[in-house]
Amino acid sequence: MGGRGVIRLKYVHAFRDRQGRMRYYFRRSGKRTPLPGLPGCSEFMDAYATLLSERQQPAELRRTAPPKSFAALAILYYGSPQYRSLSTSSRTNYRRVIDGFLEEHGHRRVDQMTREHVDIVIGKMANRPGAGIVLLKRIRTLIRYAIALGWTDRDPTSGVRGYKSKEIHTWDESEIAVFERHWPEGTRERLTFALLLYTGQRGSDVYRMTWADLSGGAIRVAQQKTAAKLTIPIHEALDRVLSTANRSHSTILATAYGERFSVKGFGQMISAAIREAGLPQRCKAHGLRKAAARRLAEAGCSASEIAAITGHKTLAEVERYTRAADQERLARQAIQRQSENQSGKPPIGEVANSTDEALEINSLAWKMALPRSLSE
């Protein structure tokens, strides 16, 4: 990586792909790992630090870690296929939480941890319940790896109930309208909002989108969290906003200085835009992803169709996002059927008489009532 003003980092190599975009990867001992973002941004540097520390476990640390301790377990876990198969961002997040736990408890033996110990550790996180939920998951990750190694035969985290996670609010139509009135088309904030709402993607994927990802009326997305590769047709409202955007930067979204956003900077920008629009604290950027799923559900899309947009791995995740929309739709159908029954109208599908016309109407009614996948 030569050139004046370019950051030089050990083991980092770069090349330009067929679309003209610069790609960076960490290479050592013959293995290459892609790096996200650009050298110098927080996401890139976090991933680089993780890879550097992963591949350079100091011999001193191995010698000083007490036998069968959490510190010794973590060293083995960081070199395991379970850990290395995670995405770069997931490895960074896992390591941050586990290393924080090791600072206080790394010297303790794994087989001596009890349910009471777990309750005490997690109980201290009452002022940060979200962090407590994540910490419990990572302790459980280590314990289950220890069980697989034969270091212990029990899971002290089993049955431990973490803090109840707060449901992220799904934006309603009035809140969407408030934001759009405050931030007109042509502003960076409106472009960010439209990308979140009309692609249904996470902020960690939206801020990395480039103009080269647009092709044939669709946008290509390689989700950072799940590695899912999606091709999402561009909604006409998004197309209109994109047509007014500045294309002088490789990424669709850029800072006020014309630079690529870091994940932290992106989050701060959209959060400030939401607050400036006068929306309540419950409105978060991730709630727009849920609003996208809600709109698709209200349009009658199946869980599989919605997952094709959002990239969710399981239909259960989609159903959790669209539960409110499905409940309202089903409730309306139920009340409508009740009203029709009380008014004396025959229920859909009942044959009024034996004429060919009646049978044809009956067949059509059932086809309209069936899910699209069953009626085609």
Protein backbone atom coordinates (compact mmCIF):
# COMPACT_ATOMS: atom_id res chain seq x y z
CA MET A 1 0.00 0.00 0.00
CA GLY A 2 2.18 2.81 -1.25
CA GLY A 3 1.52 6.40 -2.05
CA ARG A 4 1.76 9.65 -0.19
CA GLY A 5 -0.82 10.17 2.57
CA VAL A 6 -1.96 6.53 2.49
CA ILE A 7 -2.15 4.65 5.79
CA ARG A 8 0.37 1.81 5.93
CA LEU A 9 -0.66 -1.21 7.99
CA LYS A 10 1.27 -4.42 8.42
CA TYR A 11 -0.24 -7.48 6.71
CA VAL A 12 -2.81 -5.34 4.83
CA HIS A 13 -2.93 -5.71 1.04
CA ALA A 14 -5.14 -3.93 -1.49
CA PHE A 15 -6.38 -4.44 -5.03
CA ARG A 16 -8.92 -2.87 -7.37
CA ASP A 17 -11.82 -5.11 -8.42
CA ARG A 18 -13.55 -5.27 -11.80
CA GLN A 19 -15.98 -2.52 -10.77
CA GLY A 20 -13.08 -0.21 -9.96
CA ARG A 21 -13.57 -0.41 -6.19
CA MET A 22 -10.62 -0.76 -3.83
CA ARG A 23 -10.67 -3.97 -1.78
CA TYR A 24 -8.54 -4.60 1.31
CA TYR A 25 -7.63 -7.81 3.05
CA PHE A 26 -5.47 -9.03 5.92
CA ARG A 27 -2.90 -11.57 4.81
CA ARG A 28 -0.55 -13.55 7.01
CA SER A 29 0.64 -17.16 7.02
CA GLY A 30 -0.92 -17.66 3.60
CA LYS A 31 -4.48 -16.86 4.71
CA ARG A 32 -6.47 -13.87 3.43
CA THR A 33 -9.38 -12.24 5.29
CA PRO A 34 -11.41 -9.38 3.73
CA LEU A 35 -11.45 -6.11 5.68
CA PRO A 36 -14.54 -3.87 5.75
CA GLY A 37 -14.55 -0.19 4.88
CA LEU A 38 -11.46 1.89 4.24
CA PRO A 39 -8.16 2.12 6.16
CA GLY A 40 -8.58 4.55 9.02
CA CYS A 41 -12.34 4.18 9.56
CA SER A 42 -13.41 2.68 12.88
CA GLU A 43 -14.92 -0.45 11.36
CA PHE A 44 -11.76 -1.21 9.39
CA MET A 45 -9.46 -0.59 12.34
CA ASP A 46 -11.59 -2.68 14.75
CA ALA A 47 -11.49 -5.61 12.35
CA TYR A 48 -7.76 -5.14 11.76
CA ALA A 49 -7.05 -5.09 15.53
CA THR A 50 -9.11 -8.24 16.01
CA LEU A 51 -7.30 -10.14 13.25
CA LEU A 52 -3.91 -8.96 14.48
CA SER A 53 -4.59 -10.11 18.04
CA GLU A 54 -6.22 -13.37 16.91
CA ARG A 55 -3.19 -14.48 14.96
CA GLN A 56 -0.62 -13.31 17.52
CA GLN A 57 -1.58 -14.93 20.80
CA PRO A 58 1.48 -14.12 22.93
CA ALA A 59 3.33 -17.16 24.25
CA GLU A 60 3.50 -15.39 27.61
CA LEU A 61 -0.29 -15.31 27.82
CA ARG A 62 -0.45 -19.03 27.11
CA ARG A 63 2.08 -19.73 29.85
CA THR A 64 0.44 -17.52 32.50
CA ALA A 65 -3.16 -18.58 31.92
CA PRO A 66 -4.09 -20.97 34.78
CA PRO A 67 -5.01 -24.51 33.64
CA LYS A 68 -8.71 -24.98 32.83
CA SER A 69 -9.31 -21.26 33.47
CA PHE A 70 -11.53 -18.97 31.40
CA ALA A 71 -8.38 -17.28 30.05
CA ALA A 72 -7.01 -20.62 28.85
CA LEU A 73 -10.42 -21.51 27.42
CA ALA A 74 -10.66 -18.22 25.52
CA ILE A 75 -7.26 -18.79 23.88
CA LEU A 76 -8.48 -22.13 22.53
CA TYR A 77 -11.86 -20.72 21.52
CA TYR A 78 -10.26 -17.87 19.53
CA GLY A 79 -8.42 -20.46 17.46
CA SER A 80 -11.44 -22.72 16.96
CA PRO A 81 -13.48 -23.16 13.76
CA GLN A 82 -16.57 -22.00 15.67
CA TYR A 83 -15.00 -18.60 16.24
CA ARG A 84 -13.07 -18.25 12.99
CA SER A 85 -16.14 -19.05 10.89
CA LEU A 86 -17.92 -15.96 12.25
CA SER A 87 -17.96 -12.80 10.17
CA THR A 88 -15.24 -10.24 10.89
CA SER A 89 -17.68 -7.90 12.62
CA SER A 90 -19.08 -10.73 14.77
CA ARG A 91 -15.58 -11.82 15.81
CA THR A 92 -14.83 -8.22 16.79
CA ASN A 93 -17.98 -8.01 18.91
CA TYR A 94 -17.49 -11.45 20.49
CA ARG A 95 -13.91 -10.66 21.40
CA ARG A 96 -14.74 -7.26 22.88
CA VAL A 97 -17.26 -8.80 25.29
CA ILE A 98 -15.23 -11.91 26.15
CA ASP A 99 -12.01 -9.96 26.76
CA GLY A 100 -13.92 -7.61 29.06
CA PHE A 101 -15.17 -10.62 31.03
CA LEU A 102 -11.63 -12.07 31.21
CA GLU A 103 -10.23 -8.90 32.78
CA GLU A 104 -12.08 -9.74 36.00
CA HIS A 105 -12.71 -13.46 35.76
CA GLY A 106 -10.06 -14.87 33.42
CA HIS A 107 -8.13 -16.52 36.27
CA ARG A 108 -11.14 -18.50 37.53
CA ARG A 109 -11.57 -22.21 36.74
CA VAL A 110 -14.37 -23.00 34.34
CA ASP A 111 -15.57 -26.10 36.21
CA GLN A 112 -15.98 -24.11 39.43
CA MET A 113 -18.48 -21.60 38.05
CA THR A 114 -21.95 -22.05 39.55
CA ARG A 115 -25.39 -20.68 38.75
CA GLU A 116 -24.97 -18.29 41.66
CA HIS A 117 -21.75 -16.91 40.16
CA VAL A 118 -23.48 -16.27 36.85
CA ASP A 119 -26.35 -14.46 38.59
CA ILE A 120 -23.87 -12.23 40.43
CA VAL A 121 -21.91 -11.34 37.27
CA ILE A 122 -25.03 -10.55 35.25
CA GLY A 123 -26.73 -8.87 38.21
CA LYS A 124 -24.04 -6.19 38.21
CA MET A 125 -25.19 -5.14 34.73
CA ALA A 126 -28.60 -3.85 35.86
CA ASN A 127 -27.73 -0.30 34.75
CA ARG A 128 -26.81 -1.64 31.29
CA PRO A 129 -29.37 -4.40 30.60
CA GLY A 130 -28.53 -4.63 26.89
CA ALA A 131 -24.87 -5.28 27.67
CA GLY A 132 -25.96 -7.79 30.31
CA ILE A 133 -27.93 -9.76 27.74
CA VAL A 134 -24.92 -9.93 25.42
CA LEU A 135 -22.53 -10.87 28.24
CA LEU A 136 -24.73 -13.79 29.28
CA LYS A 137 -24.73 -15.06 25.68
CA ARG A 138 -20.93 -14.92 25.47
CA ILE A 139 -20.42 -16.67 28.83
CA ARG A 140 -22.77 -19.36 27.56
CA THR A 141 -20.70 -19.57 24.36
CA LEU A 142 -17.54 -20.23 26.38
CA ILE A 143 -19.20 -22.73 28.70
CA ARG A 144 -20.61 -24.79 25.84
CA TYR A 145 -17.20 -24.83 24.19
CA ALA A 146 -15.71 -26.02 27.49
CA ILE A 147 -18.29 -28.83 27.63
CA ALA A 148 -17.31 -29.85 24.09
CA LEU A 149 -13.66 -29.97 25.21
CA GLY A 150 -14.55 -32.06 28.27
CA TRP A 151 -13.45 -29.40 30.75
CA THR A 152 -16.82 -29.50 32.54
CA ASP A 153 -19.99 -31.57 32.35
CA ARG A 154 -22.54 -28.91 33.32
CA ASP A 155 -23.72 -25.53 32.10
CA PRO A 156 -24.12 -23.02 34.98
CA THR A 157 -25.82 -20.58 32.59
CA SER A 158 -28.67 -23.04 31.97
CA GLY A 159 -31.90 -21.58 33.22
CA VAL A 160 -30.39 -18.15 33.93
CA ARG A 161 -32.82 -15.48 32.84
CA GLY A 162 -31.15 -12.37 31.52
CA TYR A 163 -32.66 -8.93 31.39
CA LYS A 164 -35.70 -8.54 29.22
CA SER A 165 -34.73 -6.88 25.97
CA LYS A 166 -36.69 -3.80 24.99
CA GLU A 167 -38.62 -4.21 21.77
CA ILE A 168 -37.48 -1.78 19.10
CA HIS A 169 -40.34 0.43 18.01
CA THR A 170 -41.69 -0.04 14.48
CA TRP A 171 -42.21 3.34 12.83
CA ASP A 172 -45.85 4.09 11.98
CA GLU A 173 -46.99 6.03 8.93
CA SER A 174 -47.44 9.30 10.81
CA GLU A 175 -43.83 9.16 12.04
CA ILE A 176 -42.57 8.38 8.54
CA ALA A 177 -44.51 11.39 7.23
CA VAL A 178 -43.02 13.68 9.92
CA PHE A 179 -39.46 12.77 8.90
CA GLU A 180 -40.18 13.18 5.18
CA ARG A 181 -41.77 16.61 5.73
CA HIS A 182 -38.76 17.81 7.71
CA TRP A 183 -36.07 16.40 5.38
CA PRO A 184 -36.96 17.04 1.71
CA GLU A 185 -35.66 15.07 -1.24
CA GLY A 186 -32.17 16.19 -2.13
CA THR A 187 -30.86 16.11 1.44
CA ARG A 188 -28.43 13.45 2.66
CA GLU A 189 -30.74 12.70 5.58
CA ARG A 190 -33.68 11.95 3.29
CA LEU A 191 -31.47 9.73 1.11
CA THR A 192 -30.33 7.79 4.19
CA PHE A 193 -33.93 7.45 5.37
CA ALA A 194 -35.11 6.20 1.97
CA LEU A 195 -32.32 3.60 1.73
CA LEU A 196 -33.22 2.25 5.18
CA LEU A 197 -36.98 2.20 4.57
CA TYR A 198 -37.13 0.99 0.97
CA THR A 199 -34.42 -1.67 1.12
CA GLY A 200 -35.27 -2.98 4.60
CA GLN A 201 -31.58 -3.38 5.42
CA ARG A 202 -29.61 -2.79 8.60
CA GLY A 203 -27.69 0.44 8.99
CA SER A 204 -24.44 -1.56 8.91
CA ASP A 205 -25.29 -2.53 5.31
CA VAL A 206 -26.83 0.74 4.17
CA TYR A 207 -23.87 2.98 4.93
CA ARG A 208 -21.58 0.70 2.84
CA MET A 209 -23.78 0.76 -0.29
CA THR A 210 -22.02 2.05 -3.39
CA TRP A 211 -23.23 3.38 -6.73
CA ALA A 212 -21.63 0.33 -8.34
CA ASP A 213 -24.12 -1.82 -6.39
CA LEU A 214 -26.97 -0.38 -8.50
CA SER A 215 -27.69 -2.35 -11.65
CA GLY A 216 -30.74 -3.20 -13.73
CA GLY A 217 -33.21 -1.41 -11.50
CA ALA A 218 -32.00 -3.26 -8.40
CA ILE A 219 -29.43 -2.88 -5.66
CA ARG A 220 -27.06 -5.69 -4.65
CA VAL A 221 -26.45 -6.22 -0.94
CA ALA A 222 -24.01 -8.55 0.82
CA GLN A 223 -25.21 -8.43 4.40
CA GLN A 224 -22.39 -7.96 6.86
CA LYS A 225 -24.08 -9.78 9.74
CA THR A 226 -25.35 -12.87 7.92
CA ALA A 227 -23.26 -12.85 4.71
CA ALA A 228 -26.56 -13.22 2.80
CA LYS A 229 -26.37 -11.92 -0.78
CA LEU A 230 -29.52 -10.15 -1.92
CA THR A 231 -30.73 -8.40 -5.05
CA ILE A 232 -33.48 -5.93 -4.12
CA PRO A 233 -35.60 -4.17 -6.76
CA ILE A 234 -35.49 -0.40 -6.30
CA HIS A 235 -38.81 1.04 -5.13
CA GLU A 236 -40.04 3.99 -7.20
CA ALA A 237 -39.87 6.30 -4.15
CA LEU A 238 -36.23 5.32 -3.56
CA ASP A 239 -35.45 5.73 -7.27
CA ARG A 240 -36.78 9.29 -7.14
CA VAL A 241 -34.59 10.15 -4.13
CA LEU A 242 -31.53 8.51 -5.70
CA SER A 243 -31.99 10.60 -8.84
CA THR A 244 -31.38 13.79 -6.83
CA ALA A 245 -28.29 12.47 -5.00
CA ASN A 246 -24.71 13.61 -5.50
CA ARG A 247 -22.69 10.88 -7.24
CA SER A 248 -19.23 12.33 -6.71
CA HIS A 249 -18.29 9.67 -4.14
CA SER A 250 -18.05 5.91 -4.61
CA THR A 251 -20.44 5.22 -1.72
CA ILE A 252 -24.03 6.42 -2.01
CA LEU A 253 -23.77 8.08 1.40
CA ALA A 254 -20.84 10.32 2.31
CA THR A 255 -19.96 12.67 5.15
CA ALA A 256 -20.12 16.44 4.88
CA TYR A 257 -16.41 16.27 3.98
CA GLY A 258 -17.05 13.87 1.10
CA GLU A 259 -15.60 10.89 2.95
CA ARG A 260 -17.00 7.45 3.60
CA PHE A 261 -18.92 7.06 6.86
CA SER A 262 -17.70 4.91 9.72
CA VAL A 263 -20.40 2.75 11.31
CA LYS A 264 -20.34 4.98 14.39
CA GLY A 265 -20.49 8.18 12.37
CA PHE A 266 -23.40 6.84 10.32
CA GLY A 267 -25.35 6.01 13.47
CA GLN A 268 -24.74 9.45 14.93
CA MET A 269 -25.81 11.17 11.71
CA ILE A 270 -29.16 9.39 11.32
CA SER A 271 -29.92 9.64 15.06
CA ALA A 272 -29.33 13.40 14.94
CA ALA A 273 -31.59 13.67 11.87
CA ILE A 274 -34.39 11.82 13.67
CA ARG A 275 -34.12 14.08 16.72
CA GLU A 276 -34.00 17.23 14.59
CA ALA A 277 -37.21 16.16 12.87
CA GLY A 278 -38.87 16.29 16.29
CA LEU A 279 -39.65 12.59 16.49
CA PRO A 280 -39.92 10.83 19.88
CA GLN A 281 -37.03 8.92 21.49
CA ARG A 282 -38.66 5.60 20.56
CA CYS A 283 -37.90 6.21 16.88
CA LYS A 284 -34.59 4.52 16.02
CA ALA A 285 -32.94 3.83 12.68
CA HIS A 286 -33.46 0.06 13.07
CA GLY A 287 -37.18 0.70 13.46
CA LEU A 288 -37.25 1.61 9.76
CA ARG A 289 -36.18 -1.94 8.89
CA LYS A 290 -39.15 -3.15 10.91
CA ALA A 291 -41.39 -0.58 9.20
CA ALA A 292 -40.31 -1.94 5.82
CA ALA A 293 -41.31 -5.46 6.90
CA ARG A 294 -44.59 -4.12 8.29
CA ARG A 295 -45.44 -2.42 5.01
CA LEU A 296 -44.71 -5.59 3.07
CA ALA A 297 -46.93 -7.60 5.43
CA GLU A 298 -49.74 -5.06 5.08
CA ALA A 299 -49.42 -5.36 1.30
CA GLY A 300 -50.19 -9.07 1.66
CA CYS A 301 -46.65 -10.41 1.14
CA SER A 302 -45.88 -13.84 2.56
CA ALA A 303 -43.17 -14.39 5.17
CA SER A 304 -40.95 -15.90 2.45
CA GLU A 305 -41.42 -12.88 0.21
CA ILE A 306 -40.56 -10.52 3.07
CA ALA A 307 -37.46 -12.57 3.94
CA ALA A 308 -36.32 -12.23 0.32
CA ILE A 309 -36.08 -8.48 0.97
CA THR A 310 -34.89 -8.34 4.58
CA GLY A 311 -32.53 -11.32 4.35
CA HIS A 312 -33.77 -12.96 7.54
CA LYS A 313 -32.61 -16.57 7.86
CA THR A 314 -35.75 -17.94 9.49
CA LEU A 315 -39.43 -17.20 8.94
CA ALA A 316 -39.85 -16.95 12.74
CA GLU A 317 -37.71 -13.80 12.69
CA VAL A 318 -39.88 -12.29 9.95
CA GLU A 319 -43.06 -13.17 11.82
CA ARG A 320 -41.71 -11.42 14.92
CA TYR A 321 -41.20 -8.27 12.84
CA THR A 322 -44.65 -8.41 11.24
CA ARG A 323 -46.71 -9.73 14.17
CA ALA A 324 -48.59 -6.45 14.74
CA ALA A 325 -49.47 -6.04 11.04
CA ASP A 326 -50.68 -9.65 10.81
CA GLN A 327 -52.74 -9.30 13.98
CA GLU A 328 -54.54 -6.20 12.72
CA ARG A 329 -55.19 -7.74 9.29
CA LEU A 330 -56.55 -10.98 10.77
CA ALA A 331 -58.67 -9.07 13.28
CA ARG A 332 -60.23 -7.00 10.50
CA GLN A 333 -60.99 -10.16 8.52
CA ALA A 334 -62.58 -11.77 11.57
CA ILE A 335 -64.83 -8.77 12.30
CA GLN A 336 -65.81 -8.55 8.62
CA ARG A 337 -66.82 -12.21 8.57
CA GLN A 338 -68.76 -11.76 11.79
CA SER A 339 -70.62 -8.78 10.34
CA GLU A 340 -71.43 -10.64 7.13
CA ASN A 341 -72.71 -13.62 9.09
CA GLN A 342 -74.99 -11.46 11.26
CA SER A 343 -76.35 -9.62 8.21
CA GLY A 344 -77.49 -12.91 6.71
CA LYS A 345 -74.97 -13.02 3.87
CA PRO A 346 -73.76 -16.53 3.05
CA PRO A 347 -70.09 -17.13 3.97
CA ILE A 348 -67.52 -17.18 1.18
CA GLY A 349 -67.46 -20.55 -0.51
CA GLU A 350 -71.06 -21.53 0.21
CA VAL A 351 -72.80 -22.73 -2.94
CA ALA A 352 -75.99 -20.72 -3.47
CA ASN A 353 -77.38 -23.07 -6.08
CA SER A 354 -76.31 -25.77 -8.51
CA THR A 355 -76.02 -23.63 -11.64
CA ASP A 356 -72.72 -23.36 -13.48
CA GLU A 357 -72.64 -19.62 -12.73
CA ALA A 358 -72.88 -20.18 -8.97
CA LEU A 359 -70.13 -22.82 -9.06
CA GLU A 360 -67.90 -20.46 -11.02
CA ILE A 361 -68.43 -17.68 -8.47
CA ASN A 362 -67.73 -20.11 -5.63
CA SER A 363 -64.45 -21.25 -7.24
CA LEU A 364 -63.32 -17.66 -7.79
CA ALA A 365 -64.12 -16.68 -4.20
CA TRP A 366 -62.03 -19.52 -2.77
CA LYS A 367 -59.14 -18.65 -5.08
CA MET A 368 -59.23 -15.07 -3.82
CA ALA A 369 -59.27 -16.24 -0.20
CA LEU A 370 -56.35 -18.65 -0.57
CA PRO A 371 -52.73 -17.54 -0.13
CA ARG A 372 -51.17 -16.67 -3.49
CA SER A 373 -48.77 -19.63 -3.34
CA LEU A 374 -51.71 -22.06 -3.09
CA SER A 375 -53.97 -20.41 -5.64
CA GLU A 376 -51.44 -20.25 -8.47
